[in-house]
């Protein structure tokens, strides 16, 4: 019988076995990936997706792992982290970035080309693929307002081009989530602008972010979605939960919507804090807090 193991089929691709994902997540928590690959091209990604389907190997695709919690048991099967697919191209007022490109670098490229429209994303720590996947937003702007199209890979390895309407954006949602496609690139339709004004707005938002968010600690960013008619941080603050700690995971004193790693946190610590916050806010205010952070992997 022919050897179908990943290292036999793809001897040219570096595969990390039982690799701790805590090395790559922004929370610095998470168990091991059975097999971890950083694909360097769409062709490589496509080959790996097809191999996973043909061998019935579970497949997980991750961007910058910024708004993500990986449980302490880790991830079975094959995990792809797309951060090496990070090319950014400018064509007129269009900026096309591969899925692994950092959103921060993409906003910087737009500024360098004097293109306006992406300033709101200047400090968002995610990747372009992750931003499209969840329709990331901040300070009054959302990815849905600037993406004209995205290229995705289906589980069959087929490349599809989806326009803004087909991406079916909603609050922290896109059709990519529904069909389990993998974003491989996105094109942002921007406008010619004044580079000094663009820089000033980016700097202003970064100052605002630094003053309000606990950027000095590892975290997964905003943990909960905003419930209709409420501000999440205000609810958590009024419930007296700031400073609530389990192990190394703590509700930030600086911004109640963040859970930070104050040292040695595990994913289980994070999930315990999340559950306690949800339970307390529901009991005190009758409001259900839904997680914005993506939670994947197995319990230990």
C-alpha atoms as a PDB file:
ATOM      1  CA  UNK A   1       0.000   0.000   0.000  1.00  0.00           C
ATOM      2  CA  UNK A   2       1.296   3.436  -0.955  1.00  0.00           C
ATOM      3  CA  UNK A   3       2.468   5.640   1.943  1.00  0.00           C
ATOM      4  CA  UNK A   4       0.053   8.583   2.122  1.00  0.00           C
ATOM      5  CA  UNK A   5       1.672  10.263   5.145  1.00  0.00           C
ATOM      6  CA  UNK A   6       2.133  13.999   4.737  1.00  0.00           C
ATOM      7  CA  UNK A   7       5.939  13.812   4.869  1.00  0.00           C
ATOM      8  CA  UNK A   8       6.018  11.107   2.178  1.00  0.00           C
ATOM      9  CA  UNK A   9       3.632  12.925  -0.160  1.00  0.00           C
ATOM     10  CA  UNK A  10       5.223  16.362   0.395  1.00  0.00           C
ATOM     11  CA  UNK A  11       8.912  15.815   1.267  1.00  0.00           C
ATOM     12  CA  UNK A  12       9.614  19.439   0.237  1.00  0.00           C
ATOM     13  CA  UNK A  13       7.207  20.910   2.821  1.00  0.00           C
ATOM     14  CA  UNK A  14       8.340  21.463   6.414  1.00  0.00           C
ATOM     15  CA  UNK A  15       5.878  19.788   8.785  1.00  0.00           C
ATOM     16  CA  UNK A  16       6.119  20.460  12.524  1.00  0.00           C
ATOM     17  CA  UNK A  17       4.839  17.526  14.584  1.00  0.00           C
ATOM     18  CA  UNK A  18       3.107  17.977  17.965  1.00  0.00           C
ATOM     19  CA  UNK A  19       3.953  21.676  17.847  1.00  0.00           C
ATOM     20  CA  UNK A  20       2.698  23.788  20.813  1.00  0.00           C
ATOM     21  CA  UNK A  21       0.321  26.418  19.427  1.00  0.00           C
ATOM     22  CA  UNK A  22       1.010  28.619  22.467  1.00  0.00           C
ATOM     23  CA  UNK A  23       4.085  29.745  20.489  1.00  0.00           C
ATOM     24  CA  UNK A  24       1.834  31.332  17.855  1.00  0.00           C
ATOM     25  CA  UNK A  25      -1.386  32.516  19.551  1.00  0.00           C
ATOM     26  CA  UNK A  26      -1.673  36.082  20.854  1.00  0.00           C
ATOM     27  CA  UNK A  27      -2.844  34.760  24.239  1.00  0.00           C
ATOM     28  CA  UNK A  28       0.317  32.591  24.441  1.00  0.00           C
ATOM     29  CA  UNK A  29      -1.911  29.633  25.331  1.00  0.00           C
ATOM     30  CA  UNK A  30      -3.039  26.502  23.505  1.00  0.00           C
ATOM     31  CA  UNK A  31      -2.135  22.836  23.183  1.00  0.00           C
ATOM     32  CA  UNK A  32      -0.194  21.119  20.383  1.00  0.00           C
ATOM     33  CA  UNK A  33      -1.099  20.725  16.721  1.00  0.00           C
ATOM     34  CA  UNK A  34      -0.607  17.134  15.531  1.00  0.00           C
ATOM     35  CA  UNK A  35       0.828  18.486  12.262  1.00  0.00           C
ATOM     36  CA  UNK A  36       1.531  22.170  11.639  1.00  0.00           C
ATOM     37  CA  UNK A  37       2.485  23.705   8.291  1.00  0.00           C
ATOM     38  CA  UNK A  38       3.133  27.313   7.251  1.00  0.00           C
ATOM     39  CA  UNK A  39       2.285  27.152   3.517  1.00  0.00           C
ATOM     40  CA  UNK A  40       4.169  29.663   1.393  1.00  0.00           C
ATOM     41  CA  UNK A  41       1.853  29.859  -1.620  1.00  0.00           C
ATOM     42  CA  UNK A  42      -1.693  29.281  -2.824  1.00  0.00           C
ATOM     43  CA  UNK A  43      -0.455  26.211  -4.737  1.00  0.00           C
ATOM     44  CA  UNK A  44       1.001  24.692  -1.560  1.00  0.00           C
ATOM     45  CA  UNK A  45      -2.162  25.482   0.420  1.00  0.00           C
ATOM     46  CA  UNK A  46      -4.328  23.937  -2.297  1.00  0.00           C
ATOM     47  CA  UNK A  47      -2.238  20.722  -2.339  1.00  0.00           C
ATOM     48  CA  UNK A  48      -2.491  20.392   1.444  1.00  0.00           C
ATOM     49  CA  UNK A  49      -6.264  20.999   1.493  1.00  0.00           C
ATOM     50  CA  UNK A  50      -6.797  18.342  -1.198  1.00  0.00           C
ATOM     51  CA  UNK A  51      -4.493  15.900   0.660  1.00  0.00           C
ATOM     52  CA  UNK A  52      -6.460  16.448   3.890  1.00  0.00           C
ATOM     53  CA  UNK A  53      -9.746  15.733   2.106  1.00  0.00           C
ATOM     54  CA  UNK A  54      -8.449  12.640   0.298  1.00  0.00           C
ATOM     55  CA  UNK A  55      -6.898  11.156   3.455  1.00  0.00           C
ATOM     56  CA  UNK A  56      -9.878  12.213   5.642  1.00  0.00           C
ATOM     57  CA  UNK A  57      -7.493  14.198   7.845  1.00  0.00           C
ATOM     58  CA  UNK A  58      -9.152  16.915   9.976  1.00  0.00           C
ATOM     59  CA  UNK A  59      -8.089  20.353   8.719  1.00  0.00           C
ATOM     60  CA  UNK A  60      -7.866  23.639  10.633  1.00  0.00           C
ATOM     61  CA  UNK A  61      -6.768  26.918   9.045  1.00  0.00           C
ATOM     62  CA  UNK A  62      -5.513  29.826  11.145  1.00  0.00           C
ATOM     63  CA  UNK A  63      -4.476  33.367  10.270  1.00  0.00           C
ATOM     64  CA  UNK A  64      -2.586  35.496  12.766  1.00  0.00           C
ATOM     65  CA  UNK A  65      -4.150  33.675  15.770  1.00  0.00           C
ATOM     66  CA  UNK A  66      -5.019  37.044  17.309  1.00  0.00           C
ATOM     67  CA  UNK A  67      -8.751  36.616  18.032  1.00  0.00           C
ATOM     68  CA  UNK A  68      -8.414  32.926  18.804  1.00  0.00           C
ATOM     69  CA  UNK A  69      -8.304  30.537  21.753  1.00  0.00           C
ATOM     70  CA  UNK A  70      -6.936  27.032  21.166  1.00  0.00           C
ATOM     71  CA  UNK A  71      -8.004  24.637  23.924  1.00  0.00           C
ATOM     72  CA  UNK A  72      -5.242  22.953  25.939  1.00  0.00           C
ATOM     73  CA  UNK A  73      -5.727  19.551  24.272  1.00  0.00           C
ATOM     74  CA  UNK A  74      -4.621  21.098  20.984  1.00  0.00           C
ATOM     75  CA  UNK A  75      -5.772  20.371  17.435  1.00  0.00           C
ATOM     76  CA  UNK A  76      -5.982  16.984  15.768  1.00  0.00           C
ATOM     77  CA  UNK A  77      -5.022  16.423  12.157  1.00  0.00           C
ATOM     78  CA  UNK A  78      -3.447  19.137  10.010  1.00  0.00           C
ATOM     79  CA  UNK A  79      -3.246  22.807  10.987  1.00  0.00           C
ATOM     80  CA  UNK A  80      -2.239  25.479   8.481  1.00  0.00           C
ATOM     81  CA  UNK A  81      -1.057  28.929   9.587  1.00  0.00           C
ATOM     82  CA  UNK A  82      -1.109  31.267   6.590  1.00  0.00           C
ATOM     83  CA  UNK A  83       1.192  34.058   7.812  1.00  0.00           C
ATOM     84  CA  UNK A  84       3.874  33.294   5.180  1.00  0.00           C
ATOM     85  CA  UNK A  85       1.346  34.109   2.444  1.00  0.00           C
ATOM     86  CA  UNK A  86       1.680  37.852   2.988  1.00  0.00           C
ATOM     87  CA  UNK A  87       2.169  39.585  -0.364  1.00  0.00           C
ATOM     88  CA  UNK A  88       0.537  43.031  -0.798  1.00  0.00           C
ATOM     89  CA  UNK A  89      -0.012  44.602  -4.240  1.00  0.00           C
ATOM     90  CA  UNK A  90      -1.264  48.096  -5.140  1.00  0.00           C
ATOM     91  CA  UNK A  91      -3.095  48.660  -8.422  1.00  0.00           C
ATOM     92  CA  UNK A  92      -4.512  52.165  -8.758  1.00  0.00           C
ATOM     93  CA  UNK A  93      -6.879  52.562  -5.798  1.00  0.00           C
ATOM     94  CA  UNK A  94      -7.076  48.789  -5.206  1.00  0.00           C
ATOM     95  CA  UNK A  95      -4.978  47.073  -2.543  1.00  0.00           C
ATOM     96  CA  UNK A  96      -4.830  43.275  -2.884  1.00  0.00           C
ATOM     97  CA  UNK A  97      -3.344  41.382   0.042  1.00  0.00           C
ATOM     98  CA  UNK A  98      -2.805  37.677   0.592  1.00  0.00           C
ATOM     99  CA  UNK A  99      -4.641  36.112   3.529  1.00  0.00           C
ATOM    100  CA  UNK A 100      -1.594  35.945   5.792  1.00  0.00           C
ATOM    101  CA  UNK A 101      -0.671  39.610   5.386  1.00  0.00           C
ATOM    102  CA  UNK A 102      -1.029  41.492   8.662  1.00  0.00           C
ATOM    103  CA  UNK A 103      -3.850  44.022   8.603  1.00  0.00           C
ATOM    104  CA  UNK A 104      -1.467  46.548  10.187  1.00  0.00           C
ATOM    105  CA  UNK A 105       1.010  46.112   7.284  1.00  0.00           C
ATOM    106  CA  UNK A 106      -1.846  46.377   4.779  1.00  0.00           C
ATOM    107  CA  UNK A 107      -3.023  49.697   6.240  1.00  0.00           C
ATOM    108  CA  UNK A 108       0.594  50.891   6.149  1.00  0.00           C
ATOM    109  CA  UNK A 109       0.859  49.958   2.443  1.00  0.00           C
ATOM    110  CA  UNK A 110      -2.360  51.884   1.744  1.00  0.00           C
ATOM    111  CA  UNK A 111      -0.949  54.929   3.555  1.00  0.00           C
ATOM    112  CA  UNK A 112       2.319  54.713   1.575  1.00  0.00           C
ATOM    113  CA  UNK A 113       0.219  54.814  -1.618  1.00  0.00           C
ATOM    114  CA  UNK A 114      -1.869  57.759  -0.261  1.00  0.00           C
ATOM    115  CA  UNK A 115      -5.033  55.631  -0.264  1.00  0.00           C
ATOM    116  CA  UNK A 116      -7.756  56.313   2.289  1.00  0.00           C
ATOM    117  CA  UNK A 117     -10.518  54.106   3.705  1.00  0.00           C
ATOM    118  CA  UNK A 118      -8.567  51.556   5.724  1.00  0.00           C
ATOM    119  CA  UNK A 119      -7.378  53.819   8.552  1.00  0.00           C
ATOM    120  CA  UNK A 120      -9.832  52.298  11.068  1.00  0.00           C
ATOM    121  CA  UNK A 121      -7.907  48.998  10.824  1.00  0.00           C
ATOM    122  CA  UNK A 122      -4.497  50.542  11.586  1.00  0.00           C
ATOM    123  CA  UNK A 123      -4.110  48.838  14.964  1.00  0.00           C
ATOM    124  CA  UNK A 124      -6.127  45.642  14.461  1.00  0.00           C
ATOM    125  CA  UNK A 125      -3.606  42.829  15.091  1.00  0.00           C
ATOM    126  CA  UNK A 126      -5.218  40.199  12.836  1.00  0.00           C
ATOM    127  CA  UNK A 127      -4.472  38.964   9.330  1.00  0.00           C
ATOM    128  CA  UNK A 128      -6.343  39.947   6.174  1.00  0.00           C
ATOM    129  CA  UNK A 129      -7.878  36.461   5.915  1.00  0.00           C
ATOM    130  CA  UNK A 130      -9.067  36.539   9.518  1.00  0.00           C
ATOM    131  CA  UNK A 131     -10.426  40.064   9.070  1.00  0.00           C
ATOM    132  CA  UNK A 132     -12.538  38.977   6.077  1.00  0.00           C
ATOM    133  CA  UNK A 133     -13.588  35.744   7.825  1.00  0.00           C
ATOM    134  CA  UNK A 134     -15.077  37.647  10.780  1.00  0.00           C
ATOM    135  CA  UNK A 135     -15.728  41.078   9.215  1.00  0.00           C
ATOM    136  CA  UNK A 136     -13.355  42.740  11.651  1.00  0.00           C
ATOM    137  CA  UNK A 137     -14.066  46.295  12.658  1.00  0.00           C
ATOM    138  CA  UNK A 138     -13.041  49.099  14.983  1.00  0.00           C
ATOM    139  CA  UNK A 139     -13.732  52.782  15.596  1.00  0.00           C
ATOM    140  CA  UNK A 140     -16.745  52.997  13.320  1.00  0.00           C
ATOM    141  CA  UNK A 141     -15.267  51.079  10.376  1.00  0.00           C
ATOM    142  CA  UNK A 142     -15.719  47.503   9.160  1.00  0.00           C
ATOM    143  CA  UNK A 143     -13.930  45.356   6.593  1.00  0.00           C
ATOM    144  CA  UNK A 144     -17.248  44.915   4.746  1.00  0.00           C
ATOM    145  CA  UNK A 145     -17.164  48.618   3.802  1.00  0.00           C
ATOM    146  CA  UNK A 146     -13.862  48.371   1.928  1.00  0.00           C
ATOM    147  CA  UNK A 147     -13.554  44.803   0.556  1.00  0.00           C
ATOM    148  CA  UNK A 148     -14.597  44.568  -3.095  1.00  0.00           C
ATOM    149  CA  UNK A 149     -13.817  40.857  -3.463  1.00  0.00           C
ATOM    150  CA  UNK A 150     -12.008  37.919  -1.905  1.00  0.00           C
ATOM    151  CA  UNK A 151     -10.497  34.765  -3.335  1.00  0.00           C
ATOM    152  CA  UNK A 152     -11.273  31.591  -1.403  1.00  0.00           C
ATOM    153  CA  UNK A 153     -10.278  27.944  -1.620  1.00  0.00           C
ATOM    154  CA  UNK A 154     -13.065  25.407  -1.185  1.00  0.00           C
ATOM    155  CA  UNK A 155     -12.531  22.054   0.549  1.00  0.00           C
ATOM    156  CA  UNK A 156     -12.211  20.542  -2.964  1.00  0.00           C
ATOM    157  CA  UNK A 157      -9.267  22.838  -3.690  1.00  0.00           C
ATOM    158  CA  UNK A 158     -11.297  24.968  -6.102  1.00  0.00           C
ATOM    159  CA  UNK A 159     -10.480  28.692  -6.211  1.00  0.00           C
ATOM    160  CA  UNK A 160     -13.542  30.940  -6.155  1.00  0.00           C
ATOM    161  CA  UNK A 161     -13.783  34.706  -6.402  1.00  0.00           C
ATOM    162  CA  UNK A 162     -16.527  36.182  -4.216  1.00  0.00           C
ATOM    163  CA  UNK A 163     -17.707  39.779  -4.523  1.00  0.00           C
ATOM    164  CA  UNK A 164     -18.811  41.879  -1.566  1.00  0.00           C
ATOM    165  CA  UNK A 165     -22.446  40.792  -1.874  1.00  0.00           C
ATOM    166  CA  UNK A 166     -21.519  37.091  -2.073  1.00  0.00           C
ATOM    167  CA  UNK A 167     -19.395  37.468   1.062  1.00  0.00           C
ATOM    168  CA  UNK A 168     -22.697  38.271   2.820  1.00  0.00           C
ATOM    169  CA  UNK A 169     -21.091  40.338   5.569  1.00  0.00           C
ATOM    170  CA  UNK A 170     -22.849  40.850   8.891  1.00  0.00           C
ATOM    171  CA  UNK A 171     -21.729  41.809  12.380  1.00  0.00           C
ATOM    172  CA  UNK A 172     -18.534  39.739  12.903  1.00  0.00           C
ATOM    173  CA  UNK A 173     -19.737  37.388  10.163  1.00  0.00           C
ATOM    174  CA  UNK A 174     -19.108  36.477   6.517  1.00  0.00           C
ATOM    175  CA  UNK A 175     -20.273  33.656   4.240  1.00  0.00           C
ATOM    176  CA  UNK A 176     -16.763  32.170   4.524  1.00  0.00           C
ATOM    177  CA  UNK A 177     -17.778  30.947   7.999  1.00  0.00           C
ATOM    178  CA  UNK A 178     -20.870  29.202   6.630  1.00  0.00           C
ATOM    179  CA  UNK A 179     -19.165  27.321   3.793  1.00  0.00           C
ATOM    180  CA  UNK A 180     -15.851  26.582   5.557  1.00  0.00           C
ATOM    181  CA  UNK A 181     -13.893  28.111   2.690  1.00  0.00           C
ATOM    182  CA  UNK A 182     -10.333  29.360   3.192  1.00  0.00           C
ATOM    183  CA  UNK A 183      -9.662  33.004   2.326  1.00  0.00           C
ATOM    184  CA  UNK A 184      -6.486  33.259   0.233  1.00  0.00           C
ATOM    185  CA  UNK A 185      -6.595  36.964  -0.686  1.00  0.00           C
ATOM    186  CA  UNK A 186      -8.769  40.064  -0.511  1.00  0.00           C
ATOM    187  CA  UNK A 187      -8.985  43.251  -2.552  1.00  0.00           C
ATOM    188  CA  UNK A 188      -9.764  46.547  -0.828  1.00  0.00           C
ATOM    189  CA  UNK A 189     -11.386  49.282  -2.914  1.00  0.00           C
ATOM    190  CA  UNK A 190      -9.977  52.523  -1.491  1.00  0.00           C
ATOM    191  CA  UNK A 191      -9.872  56.194  -2.551  1.00  0.00           C
ATOM    192  CA  UNK A 192      -7.044  58.587  -3.330  1.00  0.00           C
ATOM    193  CA  UNK A 193      -6.373  60.712  -0.255  1.00  0.00           C
ATOM    194  CA  UNK A 194      -3.939  63.030   1.465  1.00  0.00           C
ATOM    195  CA  UNK A 195      -1.109  61.015   3.044  1.00  0.00           C
ATOM    196  CA  UNK A 196      -0.661  63.499   5.921  1.00  0.00           C
ATOM    197  CA  UNK A 197      -4.334  63.222   6.873  1.00  0.00           C
ATOM    198  CA  UNK A 198      -4.241  59.430   6.539  1.00  0.00           C
ATOM    199  CA  UNK A 199      -1.176  59.219   8.805  1.00  0.00           C
ATOM    200  CA  UNK A 200      -2.721  61.612  11.331  1.00  0.00           C
ATOM    201  CA  UNK A 201      -5.913  59.515  11.541  1.00  0.00           C
ATOM    202  CA  UNK A 202      -3.939  56.254  11.907  1.00  0.00           C
ATOM    203  CA  UNK A 203      -1.780  57.784  14.655  1.00  0.00           C
ATOM    204  CA  UNK A 204      -4.863  59.152  16.426  1.00  0.00           C
ATOM    205  CA  UNK A 205      -6.561  55.734  16.461  1.00  0.00           C
ATOM    206  CA  UNK A 206      -3.379  53.991  17.610  1.00  0.00           C
ATOM    207  CA  UNK A 207      -3.038  56.476  20.494  1.00  0.00           C
ATOM    208  CA  UNK A 208      -6.679  55.897  21.405  1.00  0.00           C
ATOM    209  CA  UNK A 209      -6.182  52.128  21.298  1.00  0.00           C
ATOM    210  CA  UNK A 210      -3.057  52.306  23.478  1.00  0.00           C
ATOM    211  CA  UNK A 211      -4.833  54.504  26.047  1.00  0.00           C
ATOM    212  CA  UNK A 212      -7.908  52.263  26.338  1.00  0.00           C
ATOM    213  CA  UNK A 213      -6.657  48.714  25.683  1.00  0.00           C
ATOM    214  CA  UNK A 214      -4.212  46.548  27.707  1.00  0.00           C
ATOM    215  CA  UNK A 215      -1.720  46.214  24.842  1.00  0.00           C
ATOM    216  CA  UNK A 216       1.114  45.527  27.293  1.00  0.00           C
ATOM    217  CA  UNK A 217      -0.299  42.034  28.016  1.00  0.00           C
ATOM    218  CA  UNK A 218      -0.969  39.015  25.790  1.00  0.00           C
ATOM    219  CA  UNK A 219      -4.691  38.810  24.982  1.00  0.00           C
ATOM    220  CA  UNK A 220      -7.105  37.656  22.287  1.00  0.00           C
ATOM    221  CA  UNK A 221      -8.461  41.165  21.761  1.00  0.00           C
ATOM    222  CA  UNK A 222     -12.171  41.757  22.147  1.00  0.00           C
ATOM    223  CA  UNK A 223     -13.636  38.599  23.718  1.00  0.00           C
ATOM    224  CA  UNK A 224     -17.378  39.212  23.349  1.00  0.00           C
ATOM    225  CA  UNK A 225     -19.657  40.527  20.627  1.00  0.00           C
ATOM    226  CA  UNK A 226     -21.571  43.702  21.392  1.00  0.00           C
ATOM    227  CA  UNK A 227     -25.126  42.782  22.484  1.00  0.00           C
ATOM    228  CA  UNK A 228     -27.848  44.927  20.890  1.00  0.00           C
ATOM    229  CA  UNK A 229     -28.495  48.007  22.985  1.00  0.00           C
ATOM    230  CA  UNK A 230     -25.552  47.507  25.352  1.00  0.00           C
ATOM    231  CA  UNK A 231     -21.806  48.070  25.648  1.00  0.00           C
ATOM    232  CA  UNK A 232     -20.032  44.865  26.645  1.00  0.00           C
ATOM    233  CA  UNK A 233     -17.264  46.554  28.642  1.00  0.00           C
ATOM    234  CA  UNK A 234     -19.802  48.612  30.613  1.00  0.00           C
ATOM    235  CA  UNK A 235     -21.840  45.506  31.526  1.00  0.00           C
ATOM    236  CA  UNK A 236     -18.733  43.640  32.715  1.00  0.00           C
ATOM    237  CA  UNK A 237     -17.519  46.691  34.651  1.00  0.00           C
ATOM    238  CA  UNK A 238     -20.918  47.202  36.319  1.00  0.00           C
ATOM    239  CA  UNK A 239     -21.006  43.505  37.241  1.00  0.00           C
ATOM    240  CA  UNK A 240     -17.822  44.148  39.257  1.00  0.00           C
ATOM    241  CA  UNK A 241     -15.807  41.663  37.234  1.00  0.00           C
ATOM    242  CA  UNK A 242     -12.705  43.702  36.407  1.00  0.00           C
ATOM    243  CA  UNK A 243      -9.722  42.013  37.998  1.00  0.00           C
ATOM    244  CA  UNK A 244     -11.521  38.648  38.201  1.00  0.00           C
ATOM    245  CA  UNK A 245      -8.773  36.042  37.772  1.00  0.00           C
ATOM    246  CA  UNK A 246      -8.494  32.300  37.214  1.00  0.00           C
ATOM    247  CA  UNK A 247      -4.905  31.034  37.097  1.00  0.00           C
ATOM    248  CA  UNK A 248      -3.104  33.467  34.794  1.00  0.00           C
ATOM    249  CA  UNK A 249      -6.192  34.774  32.957  1.00  0.00           C
ATOM    250  CA  UNK A 250      -7.696  38.035  34.190  1.00  0.00           C
ATOM    251  CA  UNK A 251     -10.455  40.441  33.175  1.00  0.00           C
ATOM    252  CA  UNK A 252      -8.434  43.560  32.386  1.00  0.00           C
ATOM    253  CA  UNK A 253      -8.627  46.498  34.782  1.00  0.00           C
ATOM    254  CA  UNK A 254      -7.923  48.803  31.838  1.00  0.00           C
ATOM    255  CA  UNK A 255     -10.669  47.533  29.498  1.00  0.00           C
ATOM    256  CA  UNK A 256     -13.328  45.137  30.801  1.00  0.00           C
ATOM    257  CA  UNK A 257     -13.897  43.645  27.340  1.00  0.00           C
ATOM    258  CA  UNK A 258     -10.390  42.131  27.342  1.00  0.00           C
ATOM    259  CA  UNK A 259      -9.091  39.048  29.139  1.00  0.00           C
ATOM    260  CA  UNK A 260      -5.326  39.200  29.555  1.00  0.00           C
ATOM    261  CA  UNK A 261      -2.604  36.667  30.307  1.00  0.00           C
ATOM    262  CA  UNK A 262      -0.923  38.031  33.437  1.00  0.00           C
ATOM    263  CA  UNK A 263       1.522  35.107  33.447  1.00  0.00           C
ATOM    264  CA  UNK A 264       1.322  31.363  32.892  1.00  0.00           C
ATOM    265  CA  UNK A 265      -2.322  31.307  31.775  1.00  0.00           C
ATOM    266  CA  UNK A 266      -3.789  28.243  30.096  1.00  0.00           C
ATOM    267  CA  UNK A 267      -6.655  28.136  27.620  1.00  0.00           C
ATOM    268  CA  UNK A 268      -8.693  26.449  30.375  1.00  0.00           C
ATOM    269  CA  UNK A 269      -8.088  29.520  32.581  1.00  0.00           C
ATOM    270  CA  UNK A 270      -9.346  31.731  29.753  1.00  0.00           C
ATOM    271  CA  UNK A 271     -12.457  29.629  29.191  1.00  0.00           C
ATOM    272  CA  UNK A 272     -13.217  29.577  32.935  1.00  0.00           C
ATOM    273  CA  UNK A 273     -13.068  33.391  33.048  1.00  0.00           C
ATOM    274  CA  UNK A 274     -15.244  33.669  29.916  1.00  0.00           C
ATOM    275  CA  UNK A 275     -17.863  31.315  31.375  1.00  0.00           C
ATOM    276  CA  UNK A 276     -17.918  33.163  34.707  1.00  0.00           C
ATOM    277  CA  UNK A 277     -18.313  36.544  32.980  1.00  0.00           C
ATOM    278  CA  UNK A 278     -21.166  35.224  30.810  1.00  0.00           C
ATOM    279  CA  UNK A 279     -22.931  33.661  33.798  1.00  0.00           C
ATOM    280  CA  UNK A 280     -22.557  36.757  36.006  1.00  0.00           C
ATOM    281  CA  UNK A 281     -23.736  39.231  33.337  1.00  0.00           C
ATOM    282  CA  UNK A 282     -26.714  36.997  32.513  1.00  0.00           C
ATOM    283  CA  UNK A 283     -27.688  36.703  36.187  1.00  0.00           C
ATOM    284  CA  UNK A 284     -27.282  40.411  36.936  1.00  0.00           C
ATOM    285  CA  UNK A 285     -28.619  42.008  33.744  1.00  0.00           C
ATOM    286  CA  UNK A 286     -30.400  39.251  31.801  1.00  0.00           C
ATOM    287  CA  UNK A 287     -28.027  39.816  28.870  1.00  0.00           C
ATOM    288  CA  UNK A 288     -26.372  36.909  27.047  1.00  0.00           C
ATOM    289  CA  UNK A 289     -22.804  37.653  25.996  1.00  0.00           C
ATOM    290  CA  UNK A 290     -21.811  35.785  22.853  1.00  0.00           C
ATOM    291  CA  UNK A 291     -18.109  35.208  22.226  1.00  0.00           C
ATOM    292  CA  UNK A 292     -16.458  37.056  19.361  1.00  0.00           C
ATOM    293  CA  UNK A 293     -13.194  35.178  19.874  1.00  0.00           C
ATOM    294  CA  UNK A 294     -12.975  31.916  17.895  1.00  0.00           C
ATOM    295  CA  UNK A 295     -12.537  28.898  20.208  1.00  0.00           C
ATOM    296  CA  UNK A 296     -11.144  25.713  18.643  1.00  0.00           C
ATOM    297  CA  UNK A 297      -9.340  22.498  19.557  1.00  0.00           C
ATOM    298  CA  UNK A 298      -9.902  19.810  22.148  1.00  0.00           C
ATOM    299  CA  UNK A 299     -10.045  19.803  25.935  1.00  0.00           C
ATOM    300  CA  UNK A 300      -7.010  18.313  27.634  1.00  0.00           C
END
